[in-house]
Amino acid sequence: MEYKLYHATWCPFCRGFAPEFKTIIPEGGEYLLDDMEDPLWVELDIEVVPTVIGYENGKEVKRIVAKPHIGIDSDEFKDWIKKE
């Protein structure tokens, strides 16, 4: 599984979560995408950051979206990764 983190440098929840993301995801699944001007954000309907999308064979298979004004809890993220 490949995991992509969509985040923004201005977002305090993203800045707090990005280091955790790097240590939690399985080896080889890391991508950080930080550009809210990217048309891909519109295509993927990214409205809240951070958002992590899991891909298999280039197709989205799961997604976790931060709770507004809270972010993504690391324990919740670990549980989300375990669910296939």
PDB file of N, CA and C in Angstrom:
ATOM      1  N   MET A   1       0.863  -1.175   0.000  1.00  0.00           N
ATOM      2  CA  MET A   1       0.000   0.000   0.000  1.00  0.00           C
ATOM      3  C   MET A   1       0.906   1.233   0.000  1.00  0.00           C
ATOM      4  N   GLU A   2       0.495   2.198  -0.770  1.00  0.00           N
ATOM      5  CA  GLU A   2       1.202   3.474  -0.832  1.00  0.00           C
ATOM      6  C   GLU A   2       0.321   4.515  -0.141  1.00  0.00           C
ATOM      7  N   TYR A   3       0.908   5.290   0.735  1.00  0.00           N
ATOM      8  CA  TYR A   3       0.165   6.301   1.479  1.00  0.00           C
ATOM      9  C   TYR A   3       0.655   7.689   1.083  1.00  0.00           C
ATOM     10  N   LYS A   4      -0.278   8.576   0.783  1.00  0.00           N
ATOM     11  CA  LYS A   4       0.072   9.951   0.452  1.00  0.00           C
ATOM     12  C   LYS A   4      -0.582  10.876   1.458  1.00  0.00           C
ATOM     13  N   LEU A   5       0.232  11.744   2.018  1.00  0.00           N
ATOM     14  CA  LEU A   5      -0.236  12.741   2.980  1.00  0.00           C
ATOM     15  C   LEU A   5      -0.392  14.067   2.262  1.00  0.00           C
ATOM     16  N   TYR A   6      -1.598  14.592   2.268  1.00  0.00           N
ATOM     17  CA  TYR A   6      -1.884  15.906   1.699  1.00  0.00           C
ATOM     18  C   TYR A   6      -1.943  16.876   2.872  1.00  0.00           C
ATOM     19  N   HIS A   7      -1.053  17.858   2.853  1.00  0.00           N
ATOM     20  CA  HIS A   7      -0.958  18.783   3.979  1.00  0.00           C
ATOM     21  C   HIS A   7      -0.562  20.164   3.502  1.00  0.00           C
ATOM     22  N   ALA A   8      -0.585  21.101   4.421  1.00  0.00           N
ATOM     23  CA  ALA A   8      -0.206  22.478   4.112  1.00  0.00           C
ATOM     24  C   ALA A   8       0.749  22.981   5.193  1.00  0.00           C
ATOM     25  N   THR A   9       1.772  23.712   4.787  1.00  0.00           N
ATOM     26  CA  THR A   9       2.765  24.189   5.746  1.00  0.00           C
ATOM     27  C   THR A   9       2.188  25.198   6.737  1.00  0.00           C
ATOM     28  N   TRP A  10       1.119  25.890   6.379  1.00  0.00           N
ATOM     29  CA  TRP A  10       0.513  26.878   7.274  1.00  0.00           C
ATOM     30  C   TRP A  10      -0.357  26.230   8.343  1.00  0.00           C
ATOM     31  N   CYS A  11      -0.654  24.940   8.190  1.00  0.00           N
ATOM     32  CA  CYS A  11      -1.577  24.234   9.090  1.00  0.00           C
ATOM     33  C   CYS A  11      -0.834  23.664  10.299  1.00  0.00           C
ATOM     34  N   PRO A  12      -1.160  24.107  11.528  1.00  0.00           N
ATOM     35  CA  PRO A  12      -0.464  23.597  12.710  1.00  0.00           C
ATOM     36  C   PRO A  12      -0.715  22.104  12.929  1.00  0.00           C
ATOM     37  N   PHE A  13      -1.872  21.614  12.556  1.00  0.00           N
ATOM     38  CA  PHE A  13      -2.174  20.188  12.727  1.00  0.00           C
ATOM     39  C   PHE A  13      -1.353  19.350  11.751  1.00  0.00           C
ATOM     40  N   CYS A  14      -1.123  19.890  10.558  1.00  0.00           N
ATOM     41  CA  CYS A  14      -0.275  19.210   9.571  1.00  0.00           C
ATOM     42  C   CYS A  14       1.167  19.160  10.045  1.00  0.00           C
ATOM     43  N   ARG A  15       1.658  20.271  10.547  1.00  0.00           N
ATOM     44  CA  ARG A  15       3.046  20.321  11.029  1.00  0.00           C
ATOM     45  C   ARG A  15       3.251  19.346  12.174  1.00  0.00           C
ATOM     46  N   GLY A  16       2.245  19.164  13.013  1.00  0.00           N
ATOM     47  CA  GLY A  16       2.351  18.212  14.113  1.00  0.00           C
ATOM     48  C   GLY A  16       2.234  16.769  13.648  1.00  0.00           C
ATOM     49  N   PHE A  17       1.428  16.532  12.634  1.00  0.00           N
ATOM     50  CA  PHE A  17       1.173  15.167  12.182  1.00  0.00           C
ATOM     51  C   PHE A  17       2.230  14.635  11.219  1.00  0.00           C
ATOM     52  N   ALA A  18       2.819  15.473  10.392  1.00  0.00           N
ATOM     53  CA  ALA A  18       3.766  15.012   9.365  1.00  0.00           C
ATOM     54  C   ALA A  18       4.897  14.160   9.940  1.00  0.00           C
ATOM     55  N   PRO A  19       5.551  14.556  11.043  1.00  0.00           N
ATOM     56  CA  PRO A  19       6.608  13.695  11.592  1.00  0.00           C
ATOM     57  C   PRO A  19       6.069  12.342  12.065  1.00  0.00           C
ATOM     58  N   GLU A  20       4.870  12.321  12.634  1.00  0.00           N
ATOM     59  CA  GLU A  20       4.256  11.066  13.069  1.00  0.00           C
ATOM     60  C   GLU A  20       3.955  10.187  11.858  1.00  0.00           C
ATOM     61  N   PHE A  21       3.422  10.797  10.814  1.00  0.00           N
ATOM     62  CA  PHE A  21       3.122  10.076   9.578  1.00  0.00           C
ATOM     63  C   PHE A  21       4.360   9.345   9.089  1.00  0.00           C
ATOM     64  N   LYS A  22       5.497  10.030   9.088  1.00  0.00           N
ATOM     65  CA  LYS A  22       6.739   9.447   8.586  1.00  0.00           C
ATOM     66  C   LYS A  22       7.197   8.254   9.412  1.00  0.00           C
ATOM     67  N   THR A  23       6.918   8.272  10.713  1.00  0.00           N
ATOM     68  CA  THR A  23       7.368   7.162  11.568  1.00  0.00           C
ATOM     69  C   THR A  23       6.357   6.020  11.635  1.00  0.00           C
ATOM     70  N   ILE A  24       5.093   6.285  11.357  1.00  0.00           N
ATOM     71  CA  ILE A  24       4.047   5.269  11.499  1.00  0.00           C
ATOM     72  C   ILE A  24       3.842   4.445  10.239  1.00  0.00           C
ATOM     73  N   ILE A  25       3.915   5.058   9.069  1.00  0.00           N
ATOM     74  CA  ILE A  25       3.584   4.323   7.844  1.00  0.00           C
ATOM     75  C   ILE A  25       4.599   3.220   7.577  1.00  0.00           C
ATOM     76  N   PRO A  26       4.137   2.132   6.940  1.00  0.00           N
ATOM     77  CA  PRO A  26       5.059   1.059   6.580  1.00  0.00           C
ATOM     78  C   PRO A  26       6.127   1.565   5.621  1.00  0.00           C
ATOM     79  N   GLU A  27       7.280   0.962   5.689  1.00  0.00           N
ATOM     80  CA  GLU A  27       8.406   1.370   4.849  1.00  0.00           C
ATOM     81  C   GLU A  27       8.024   1.335   3.371  1.00  0.00           C
ATOM     82  N   GLY A  28       8.422   2.362   2.661  1.00  0.00           N
ATOM     83  CA  GLY A  28       8.184   2.425   1.227  1.00  0.00           C
ATOM     84  C   GLY A  28       6.846   3.046   0.842  1.00  0.00           C
ATOM     85  N   GLY A  29       6.056   3.486   1.813  1.00  0.00           N
ATOM     86  CA  GLY A  29       4.751   4.019   1.488  1.00  0.00           C
ATOM     87  C   GLY A  29       4.608   5.502   1.698  1.00  0.00           C
ATOM     88  N   GLU A  30       5.691   6.224   1.722  1.00  0.00           N
ATOM     89  CA  GLU A  30       5.644   7.631   2.131  1.00  0.00           C
ATOM     90  C   GLU A  30       5.629   8.605   0.968  1.00  0.00           C
ATOM     91  N   TYR A  31       4.677   9.515   1.001  1.00  0.00           N
ATOM     92  CA  TYR A  31       4.646  10.643   0.080  1.00  0.00           C
ATOM     93  C   TYR A  31       4.018  11.815   0.804  1.00  0.00           C
ATOM     94  N   LEU A  32       4.633  12.960   0.724  1.00  0.00           N
ATOM     95  CA  LEU A  32       4.081  14.182   1.300  1.00  0.00           C
ATOM     96  C   LEU A  32       3.780  15.135   0.159  1.00  0.00           C
ATOM     97  N   LEU A  33       2.553  15.552   0.051  1.00  0.00           N
ATOM     98  CA  LEU A  33       2.176  16.479  -1.009  1.00  0.00           C
ATOM     99  C   LEU A  33       1.672  17.763  -0.379  1.00  0.00           C
ATOM    100  N   ASP A  34       2.408  18.837  -0.574  1.00  0.00           N
ATOM    101  CA  ASP A  34       2.105  20.101   0.083  1.00  0.00           C
ATOM    102  C   ASP A  34       1.938  21.203  -0.947  1.00  0.00           C
ATOM    103  N   ASP A  35       0.794  21.244  -1.561  1.00  0.00           N
ATOM    104  CA  ASP A  35       0.551  22.304  -2.519  1.00  0.00           C
ATOM    105  C   ASP A  35      -0.939  22.425  -2.767  1.00  0.00           C
ATOM    106  N   MET A  36      -1.583  23.298  -2.033  1.00  0.00           N
ATOM    107  CA  MET A  36      -3.022  23.432  -2.140  1.00  0.00           C
ATOM    108  C   MET A  36      -3.445  24.036  -3.481  1.00  0.00           C
ATOM    109  N   GLU A  37      -2.484  24.545  -4.254  1.00  0.00           N
ATOM    110  CA  GLU A  37      -2.805  25.082  -5.569  1.00  0.00           C
ATOM    111  C   GLU A  37      -2.808  23.982  -6.627  1.00  0.00           C
ATOM    112  N   ASP A  38      -2.373  22.791  -6.269  1.00  0.00           N
ATOM    113  CA  ASP A  38      -2.316  21.673  -7.194  1.00  0.00           C
ATOM    114  C   ASP A  38      -3.734  21.268  -7.602  1.00  0.00           C
ATOM    115  N   PRO A  39      -4.017  21.169  -8.897  1.00  0.00           N
ATOM    116  CA  PRO A  39      -5.362  20.781  -9.339  1.00  0.00           C
ATOM    117  C   PRO A  39      -5.773  19.402  -8.836  1.00  0.00           C
ATOM    118  N   LEU A  40      -4.799  18.574  -8.484  1.00  0.00           N
ATOM    119  CA  LEU A  40      -5.092  17.252  -7.951  1.00  0.00           C
ATOM    120  C   LEU A  40      -5.919  17.349  -6.669  1.00  0.00           C
ATOM    121  N   TRP A  41      -5.697  18.406  -5.885  1.00  0.00           N
ATOM    122  CA  TRP A  41      -6.466  18.575  -4.648  1.00  0.00           C
ATOM    123  C   TRP A  41      -7.946  18.713  -4.959  1.00  0.00           C
ATOM    124  N   VAL A  42      -8.270  19.419  -6.026  1.00  0.00           N
ATOM    125  CA  VAL A  42      -9.668  19.587  -6.430  1.00  0.00           C
ATOM    126  C   VAL A  42     -10.209  18.262  -6.943  1.00  0.00           C
ATOM    127  N   GLU A  43      -9.432  17.613  -7.782  1.00  0.00           N
ATOM    128  CA  GLU A  43      -9.850  16.330  -8.356  1.00  0.00           C
ATOM    129  C   GLU A  43     -10.115  15.294  -7.267  1.00  0.00           C
ATOM    130  N   LEU A  44      -9.292  15.291  -6.218  1.00  0.00           N
ATOM    131  CA  LEU A  44      -9.437  14.317  -5.130  1.00  0.00           C
ATOM    132  C   LEU A  44     -10.379  14.795  -4.024  1.00  0.00           C
ATOM    133  N   ASP A  45     -10.908  16.001  -4.166  1.00  0.00           N
ATOM    134  CA  ASP A  45     -11.836  16.561  -3.189  1.00  0.00           C
ATOM    135  C   ASP A  45     -11.205  16.663  -1.790  1.00  0.00           C
ATOM    136  N   ILE A  46      -9.982  17.202  -1.744  1.00  0.00           N
ATOM    137  CA  ILE A  46      -9.296  17.424  -0.470  1.00  0.00           C
ATOM    138  C   ILE A  46      -9.804  18.752   0.084  1.00  0.00           C
ATOM    139  N   GLU A  47     -10.558  18.692   1.151  1.00  0.00           N
ATOM    140  CA  GLU A  47     -11.123  19.904   1.747  1.00  0.00           C
ATOM    141  C   GLU A  47     -10.557  20.205   3.131  1.00  0.00           C
ATOM    142  N   VAL A  48     -10.060  19.185   3.811  1.00  0.00           N
ATOM    143  CA  VAL A  48      -9.514  19.351   5.156  1.00  0.00           C
ATOM    144  C   VAL A  48      -8.125  18.727   5.162  1.00  0.00           C
ATOM    145  N   VAL A  49      -7.183  19.430   5.764  1.00  0.00           N
ATOM    146  CA  VAL A  49      -5.831  18.881   5.898  1.00  0.00           C
ATOM    147  C   VAL A  49      -5.499  18.734   7.374  1.00  0.00           C
ATOM    148  N   PRO A  50      -4.716  17.747   7.709  1.00  0.00           N
ATOM    149  CA  PRO A  50      -4.143  16.742   6.832  1.00  0.00           C
ATOM    150  C   PRO A  50      -5.177  15.694   6.407  1.00  0.00           C
ATOM    151  N   THR A  51      -4.934  15.136   5.230  1.00  0.00           N
ATOM    152  CA  THR A  51      -5.692  14.001   4.706  1.00  0.00           C
ATOM    153  C   THR A  51      -4.674  12.983   4.220  1.00  0.00           C
ATOM    154  N   VAL A  52      -4.906  11.720   4.534  1.00  0.00           N
ATOM    155  CA  VAL A  52      -4.042  10.646   4.041  1.00  0.00           C
ATOM    156  C   VAL A  52      -4.898   9.726   3.187  1.00  0.00           C
ATOM    157  N   ILE A  53      -4.370   9.402   2.010  1.00  0.00           N
ATOM    158  CA  ILE A  53      -5.059   8.483   1.111  1.00  0.00           C
ATOM    159  C   ILE A  53      -4.162   7.270   0.892  1.00  0.00           C
ATOM    160  N   GLY A  54      -4.766   6.089   1.002  1.00  0.00           N
ATOM    161  CA  GLY A  54      -4.067   4.837   0.731  1.00  0.00           C
ATOM    162  C   GLY A  54      -4.384   4.380  -0.677  1.00  0.00           C
ATOM    163  N   TYR A  55      -3.348   4.028  -1.422  1.00  0.00           N
ATOM    164  CA  TYR A  55      -3.495   3.603  -2.816  1.00  0.00           C
ATOM    165  C   TYR A  55      -2.959   2.185  -2.999  1.00  0.00           C
ATOM    166  N   GLU A  56      -3.644   1.421  -3.834  1.00  0.00           N
ATOM    167  CA  GLU A  56      -3.141   0.135  -4.305  1.00  0.00           C
ATOM    168  C   GLU A  56      -3.248   0.138  -5.819  1.00  0.00           C
ATOM    169  N   ASN A  57      -2.143  -0.159  -6.466  1.00  0.00           N
ATOM    170  CA  ASN A  57      -2.098  -0.163  -7.935  1.00  0.00           C
ATOM    171  C   ASN A  57      -2.594   1.157  -8.513  1.00  0.00           C
ATOM    172  N   GLY A  58      -2.265   2.262  -7.833  1.00  0.00           N
ATOM    173  CA  GLY A  58      -2.615   3.588  -8.326  1.00  0.00           C
ATOM    174  C   GLY A  58      -4.052   4.012  -8.087  1.00  0.00           C
ATOM    175  N   LYS A  59      -4.831   3.182  -7.411  1.00  0.00           N
ATOM    176  CA  LYS A  59      -6.239   3.505  -7.154  1.00  0.00           C
ATOM    177  C   LYS A  59      -6.456   3.732  -5.659  1.00  0.00           C
ATOM    178  N   GLU A  60      -7.263   4.741  -5.342  1.00  0.00           N
ATOM    179  CA  GLU A  60      -7.582   5.021  -3.943  1.00  0.00           C
ATOM    180  C   GLU A  60      -8.422   3.879  -3.372  1.00  0.00           C
ATOM    181  N   VAL A  61      -7.980   3.369  -2.215  1.00  0.00           N
ATOM    182  CA  VAL A  61      -8.733   2.304  -1.562  1.00  0.00           C
ATOM    183  C   VAL A  61      -9.229   2.715  -0.173  1.00  0.00           C
ATOM    184  N   LYS A  62      -8.592   3.730   0.404  1.00  0.00           N
ATOM    185  CA  LYS A  62      -9.072   4.227   1.686  1.00  0.00           C
ATOM    186  C   LYS A  62      -8.527   5.617   1.941  1.00  0.00           C
ATOM    187  N   ARG A  63      -9.187   6.304   2.877  1.00  0.00           N
ATOM    188  CA  ARG A  63      -8.847   7.699   3.161  1.00  0.00           C
ATOM    189  C   ARG A  63      -9.164   8.001   4.622  1.00  0.00           C
ATOM    190  N   ILE A  64      -8.284   8.792   5.241  1.00  0.00           N
ATOM    191  CA  ILE A  64      -8.540   9.312   6.582  1.00  0.00           C
ATOM    192  C   ILE A  64      -8.383  10.830   6.508  1.00  0.00           C
ATOM    193  N   VAL A  65      -9.364  11.518   7.034  1.00  0.00           N
ATOM    194  CA  VAL A  65      -9.402  12.978   6.974  1.00  0.00           C
ATOM    195  C   VAL A  65      -9.373  13.521   8.398  1.00  0.00           C
ATOM    196  N   ALA A  66      -8.601  14.565   8.605  1.00  0.00           N
ATOM    197  CA  ALA A  66      -8.501  15.182   9.924  1.00  0.00           C
ATOM    198  C   ALA A  66      -9.844  15.730  10.372  1.00  0.00           C
ATOM    199  N   LYS A  67     -10.040  15.682  11.653  1.00  0.00           N
ATOM    200  CA  LYS A  67     -11.197  16.363  12.228  1.00  0.00           C
ATOM    201  C   LYS A  67     -10.851  17.851  12.270  1.00  0.00           C
ATOM    202  N   PRO A  68     -11.743  18.714  11.798  1.00  0.00           N
ATOM    203  CA  PRO A  68     -11.449  20.151  11.803  1.00  0.00           C
ATOM    204  C   PRO A  68     -11.064  20.635  13.203  1.00  0.00           C
ATOM    205  N   HIS A  69     -10.005  21.406  13.271  1.00  0.00           N
ATOM    206  CA  HIS A  69      -9.484  22.013  14.498  1.00  0.00           C
ATOM    207  C   HIS A  69      -8.944  20.986  15.488  1.00  0.00           C
ATOM    208  N   ILE A  70      -8.758  19.735  15.025  1.00  0.00           N
ATOM    209  CA  ILE A  70      -8.204  18.683  15.888  1.00  0.00           C
ATOM    210  C   ILE A  70      -7.043  17.986  15.198  1.00  0.00           C
ATOM    211  N   GLY A  71      -7.208  17.658  13.935  1.00  0.00           N
ATOM    212  CA  GLY A  71      -6.167  16.945  13.205  1.00  0.00           C
ATOM    213  C   GLY A  71      -6.441  15.454  13.166  1.00  0.00           C
ATOM    214  N   ILE A  72      -5.376  14.674  12.970  1.00  0.00           N
ATOM    215  CA  ILE A  72      -5.461  13.214  12.956  1.00  0.00           C
ATOM    216  C   ILE A  72      -4.708  12.704  14.172  1.00  0.00           C
ATOM    217  N   ASP A  73      -5.383  11.938  14.998  1.00  0.00           N
ATOM    218  CA  ASP A  73      -4.785  11.340  16.191  1.00  0.00           C
ATOM    219  C   ASP A  73      -3.882  10.181  15.759  1.00  0.00           C
ATOM    220  N   SER A  74      -2.679  10.088  16.325  1.00  0.00           N
ATOM    221  CA  SER A  74      -1.732   9.060  15.890  1.00  0.00           C
ATOM    222  C   SER A  74      -2.249   7.647  16.166  1.00  0.00           C
ATOM    223  N   ASP A  75      -2.952   7.426  17.272  1.00  0.00           N
ATOM    224  CA  ASP A  75      -3.503   6.094  17.547  1.00  0.00           C
ATOM    225  C   ASP A  75      -4.594   5.746  16.536  1.00  0.00           C
ATOM    226  N   GLU A  76      -5.427   6.719  16.219  1.00  0.00           N
ATOM    227  CA  GLU A  76      -6.468   6.521  15.209  1.00  0.00           C
ATOM    228  C   GLU A  76      -5.822   6.189  13.853  1.00  0.00           C
ATOM    229  N   PHE A  77      -4.727   6.866  13.529  1.00  0.00           N
ATOM    230  CA  PHE A  77      -4.028   6.631  12.276  1.00  0.00           C
ATOM    231  C   PHE A  77      -3.433   5.224  12.238  1.00  0.00           C
ATOM    232  N   LYS A  78      -2.830   4.793  13.342  1.00  0.00           N
ATOM    233  CA  LYS A  78      -2.268   3.436  13.413  1.00  0.00           C
ATOM    234  C   LYS A  78      -3.359   2.391  13.189  1.00  0.00           C
ATOM    235  N   ASP A  79      -4.504   2.575  13.826  1.00  0.00           N
ATOM    236  CA  ASP A  79      -5.629   1.649  13.637  1.00  0.00           C
ATOM    237  C   ASP A  79      -6.112   1.663  12.194  1.00  0.00           C
ATOM    238  N   TRP A  80      -6.163   2.847  11.592  1.00  0.00           N
ATOM    239  CA  TRP A  80      -6.602   2.990  10.207  1.00  0.00           C
ATOM    240  C   TRP A  80      -5.665   2.239   9.256  1.00  0.00           C
ATOM    241  N   ILE A  81      -4.366   2.316   9.506  1.00  0.00           N
ATOM    242  CA  ILE A  81      -3.394   1.613   8.653  1.00  0.00           C
ATOM    243  C   ILE A  81      -3.588   0.110   8.739  1.00  0.00           C
ATOM    244  N   LYS A  82      -3.871  -0.396   9.932  1.00  0.00           N
ATOM    245  CA  LYS A  82      -4.036  -1.843  10.129  1.00  0.00           C
ATOM    246  C   LYS A  82      -5.248  -2.391   9.387  1.00  0.00           C
ATOM    247  N   LYS A  83      -6.257  -1.560   9.168  1.00  0.00           N
ATOM    248  CA  LYS A  83      -7.465  -2.012   8.464  1.00  0.00           C
ATOM    249  C   LYS A  83      -7.184  -2.027   6.967  1.00  0.00           C
ATOM    250  N   GLU A  84      -7.296  -3.160   6.384  1.00  0.00           N
ATOM    251  CA  GLU A  84      -7.044  -3.284   4.932  1.00  0.00           C
ATOM    252  C   GLU A  84      -8.336  -3.460   4.189  1.00  0.00           C
TER     253      GLU A  84
END
